């Protein structure tokens, strides 16, 4: 039995009915680079693994088809739809598996980051406290300070207060001459004290 490709309209392989041998066509593409380029093209279907022609606006149904052909067309559509649904289901399951794996990897990465952050936090606190301990001067008791008298000096810019001057004639005291001093000198006070002391001693008798 010979099997062909509907896309390129070529025979692909033949399978023996008696021994199950498989014969491949010599026109098949064997270059690995060429095959990869065809798989990367927009005409390659990842679901059916074939190169498909561009889609036209025709529905693919002919009104002249008999009842048998219409029924066969329906079966073909159902079979293709089933293959497409299975492919999408497999891709969905594969995506969910990748998401679970990615979520587990991200959770593990987050846990490693949390542990690293806790370690860095403790290391930073230890460094700051150690630096503060070494930089602070040792505390010493403060001895009592005795107050010392401070000599107040006058302000050199401050001028001495001048005595008030009285205009006009001063009052004259009775019994004093103008040439006579208003207060006795120190010699006169000494002579007066000696004379007054003798007179007082003569006037007051000592009691026996």
Protein backbone atom coordinates (compact mmCIF):
# COMPACT_ATOMS: atom_id res chain seq x y z
CA UNK A 1 0.00 0.00 0.00
CA UNK A 2 1.39 3.38 -1.03
CA UNK A 3 0.86 6.47 1.11
CA UNK A 4 1.21 9.94 -0.33
CA UNK A 5 1.24 13.53 0.91
CA UNK A 6 -1.80 15.65 0.16
CA UNK A 7 0.23 18.84 0.59
CA UNK A 8 2.95 18.20 -1.99
CA UNK A 9 1.02 15.58 -3.92
CA UNK A 10 3.86 13.04 -3.74
CA UNK A 11 4.18 9.46 -2.68
CA UNK A 12 5.94 9.22 0.67
CA UNK A 13 6.26 5.56 1.56
CA UNK A 14 4.91 2.13 0.84
CA UNK A 15 4.22 -0.66 3.30
CA UNK A 16 4.21 -4.33 2.41
CA UNK A 17 1.05 -6.20 3.29
CA UNK A 18 2.69 -9.60 3.81
CA UNK A 19 5.86 -8.91 5.82
CA UNK A 20 5.15 -5.29 6.96
CA UNK A 21 8.25 -3.91 5.25
CA UNK A 22 8.45 -0.14 4.71
CA UNK A 23 9.78 1.48 1.58
CA UNK A 24 10.59 5.21 1.57
CA UNK A 25 10.54 7.50 -1.40
CA UNK A 26 13.86 8.78 -2.70
CA UNK A 27 12.36 12.25 -3.18
CA UNK A 28 12.04 12.83 0.54
CA UNK A 29 14.03 15.68 2.02
CA UNK A 30 17.05 14.44 3.93
CA UNK A 31 18.96 17.66 4.70
CA UNK A 32 18.65 18.47 8.43
CA UNK A 33 19.09 22.22 7.87
CA UNK A 34 16.42 22.26 5.20
CA UNK A 35 14.04 20.30 7.42
CA UNK A 36 14.51 22.75 10.32
CA UNK A 37 13.90 25.68 7.99
CA UNK A 38 10.64 24.11 6.81
CA UNK A 39 9.54 23.51 10.41
CA UNK A 40 10.21 27.16 11.22
CA UNK A 41 8.13 28.40 8.30
CA UNK A 42 4.57 29.72 8.70
CA UNK A 43 3.17 26.84 6.62
CA UNK A 44 4.29 24.15 9.07
CA UNK A 45 1.62 22.96 11.49
CA UNK A 46 2.92 22.09 14.99
CA UNK A 47 -0.30 20.20 15.63
CA UNK A 48 -0.33 17.90 12.56
CA UNK A 49 3.42 18.08 11.75
CA UNK A 50 2.87 18.74 8.04
CA UNK A 51 3.28 21.67 5.66
CA UNK A 52 -0.17 23.07 4.88
CA UNK A 53 -1.09 25.26 1.94
CA UNK A 54 -2.46 28.76 2.59
CA UNK A 55 -6.09 28.76 3.65
CA UNK A 56 -8.52 29.90 0.99
CA UNK A 57 -12.10 31.08 1.34
CA UNK A 58 -13.54 27.86 -0.02
CA UNK A 59 -15.29 25.57 2.42
CA UNK A 60 -14.06 22.44 0.72
CA UNK A 61 -17.59 21.12 0.10
CA UNK A 62 -18.99 20.40 -3.34
CA UNK A 63 -22.73 20.32 -3.98
CA UNK A 64 -22.21 17.58 -6.54
CA UNK A 65 -20.90 15.15 -3.90
CA UNK A 66 -22.94 12.09 -3.20
CA UNK A 67 -24.23 10.98 0.20
CA UNK A 68 -21.23 8.74 0.74
CA UNK A 69 -18.73 11.48 0.06
CA UNK A 70 -20.53 13.90 2.37
CA UNK A 71 -20.52 11.37 5.15
CA UNK A 72 -16.83 10.72 4.61
CA UNK A 73 -16.16 14.47 4.75
CA UNK A 74 -17.96 14.69 8.06
CA UNK A 75 -15.88 11.85 9.47
CA UNK A 76 -12.71 13.54 8.27
CA UNK A 77 -13.68 16.76 10.00
CA UNK A 78 -14.47 14.94 13.22
CA UNK A 79 -11.19 13.10 13.13
CA UNK A 80 -9.20 16.29 12.48
CA UNK A 81 -11.09 18.11 15.21
CA UNK A 82 -10.35 15.28 17.62
CA UNK A 83 -6.64 15.43 16.80
CA UNK A 84 -6.62 19.21 17.31
CA UNK A 85 -8.42 18.86 20.68
CA UNK A 86 -5.97 16.20 21.87
CA UNK A 87 -3.04 18.38 20.84
CA UNK A 88 -4.42 21.39 22.73
CA UNK A 89 -5.11 19.25 25.81
CA UNK A 90 -1.55 17.92 25.78
CA UNK A 91 -0.18 21.46 25.41
CA UNK A 92 -2.38 22.64 28.28
CA UNK A 93 -1.10 19.89 30.56
CA UNK A 94 2.47 20.60 29.54
CA UNK A 95 1.97 24.31 30.24
CA UNK A 96 0.52 23.58 33.69
CA UNK A 97 3.50 21.33 34.43
CA UNK A 98 5.89 24.07 33.37
CA UNK A 99 4.00 26.57 35.53
CA UNK A 100 4.16 24.28 38.55
CA UNK A 101 7.85 23.73 38.02
CA UNK A 102 8.43 27.46 37.55
CA UNK A 103 6.39 28.24 40.66
CA UNK A 104 8.40 25.76 42.72
CA UNK A 105 11.66 27.20 41.41
CA UNK A 106 10.52 30.73 42.18
CA UNK A 107 9.38 29.70 45.66
CA UNK A 108 12.76 28.10 46.33
CA UNK A 109 14.53 31.20 45.02
CA UNK A 110 12.39 33.39 47.26
CA UNK A 111 13.17 31.21 50.28
CA UNK A 112 16.90 31.45 49.55
CA UNK A 113 16.55 35.21 49.20
CA UNK A 114 14.69 35.39 52.53
CA UNK A 115 17.43 33.47 54.33
CA UNK A 116 20.11 35.59 52.70
CA UNK A 117 18.29 38.80 53.67
CA UNK A 118 18.00 37.66 57.31
CA UNK A 119 21.71 36.84 57.40
CA UNK A 120 22.65 40.16 55.81
CA UNK A 121 20.39 41.98 58.28
CA UNK A 122 22.13 40.38 61.27
CA UNK A 123 25.57 41.03 59.77
CA UNK A 124 24.77 44.70 59.17
CA UNK A 125 23.42 45.19 62.72
CA UNK A 126 26.51 43.50 64.15
CA UNK A 127 28.81 45.72 62.08
CA UNK A 128 27.02 48.92 63.11
CA UNK A 129 26.96 48.03 66.80
CA UNK A 130 30.62 46.99 66.75
CA UNK A 131 31.63 50.21 65.02
CA UNK A 132 29.64 52.27 67.50
CA UNK A 133 31.24 50.44 70.45
CA UNK A 134 34.80 51.03 69.20
CA UNK A 135 34.25 54.68 68.26
CA UNK A 136 32.59 55.75 71.54
CA UNK A 137 35.12 57.13 74.20
CA UNK A 138 35.22 55.32 77.56
CA UNK A 139 33.04 56.88 80.22
CA UNK A 140 34.92 58.37 83.21
CA UNK A 141 33.57 59.81 86.46
CA UNK A 142 33.60 63.59 86.48
CA UNK A 143 35.56 64.99 89.47
CA UNK A 144 34.18 67.90 91.46
CA UNK A 145 35.23 71.27 90.15
CA UNK A 146 36.03 73.96 92.72
CA UNK A 147 34.85 77.42 91.96
CA UNK A 148 37.64 79.97 91.73
CA UNK A 149 37.14 83.66 92.22
CA UNK A 150 37.30 85.54 89.00
CA UNK A 151 38.69 89.01 89.02
CA UNK A 152 36.37 91.37 87.27
CA UNK A 153 38.18 93.99 85.32
CA UNK A 154 36.57 97.09 84.22
CA UNK A 155 35.75 97.74 80.70
CA UNK A 156 38.63 99.78 79.25
CA UNK A 157 36.26 101.50 76.90
CA UNK A 158 34.01 102.60 79.74
CA UNK A 159 34.72 106.14 80.93
CA UNK A 160 34.67 106.95 84.67
CA UNK A 161 31.64 108.81 85.81
CA UNK A 162 32.45 112.47 86.35
CA UNK A 163 31.35 114.20 89.50
CA UNK A 164 28.44 116.53 89.08
CA UNK A 165 29.45 120.12 88.96
CA UNK A 166 27.27 122.68 90.73
CA UNK A 167 27.02 126.03 89.15
CA UNK A 168 26.75 129.03 91.34
CA UNK A 169 28.04 129.86 94.86
CA UNK A 170 28.48 127.13 97.47
CA UNK A 171 26.96 127.52 100.98
CA UNK A 172 29.22 129.00 103.60
CA UNK A 173 29.35 127.38 107.07
CA UNK A 174 29.46 129.51 110.18
CA UNK A 175 32.68 129.27 112.17
CA UNK A 176 34.85 128.29 109.22
CA UNK A 177 37.03 130.63 107.31
CA UNK A 178 37.64 130.30 103.68
CA UNK A 179 41.35 129.65 104.24
CA UNK A 180 40.71 127.11 106.95
CA UNK A 181 40.47 123.52 105.91
CA UNK A 182 37.11 121.86 106.37
CA UNK A 183 38.64 118.71 107.92
CA UNK A 184 41.69 118.56 110.20
CA UNK A 185 44.85 116.86 109.01
CA UNK A 186 46.13 113.58 110.38
CA UNK A 187 48.74 115.35 112.61
CA UNK A 188 46.11 117.56 114.18
CA UNK A 189 43.90 114.53 114.83
CA UNK A 190 46.78 112.76 116.63
CA UNK A 191 47.55 115.77 118.81
CA UNK A 192 43.89 116.25 119.62
CA UNK A 193 43.46 112.58 120.51
CA UNK A 194 46.43 112.74 122.93
CA UNK A 195 45.23 115.87 124.67
CA UNK A 196 41.65 114.66 124.88
CA UNK A 197 42.77 111.35 126.34
CA UNK A 198 44.77 113.02 129.14
CA UNK A 199 41.91 115.35 129.97
CA UNK A 200 39.47 112.52 130.10
CA UNK A 201 41.78 110.55 132.38
CA UNK A 202 42.15 113.46 134.76
CA UNK A 203 38.46 114.11 134.86
CA UNK A 204 37.36 110.50 135.60
CA UNK A 205 38.93 109.11 138.86
CA UNK A 206 39.91 105.44 138.96
CA UNK A 207 37.89 103.39 141.33
CA UNK A 208 39.96 101.55 143.92
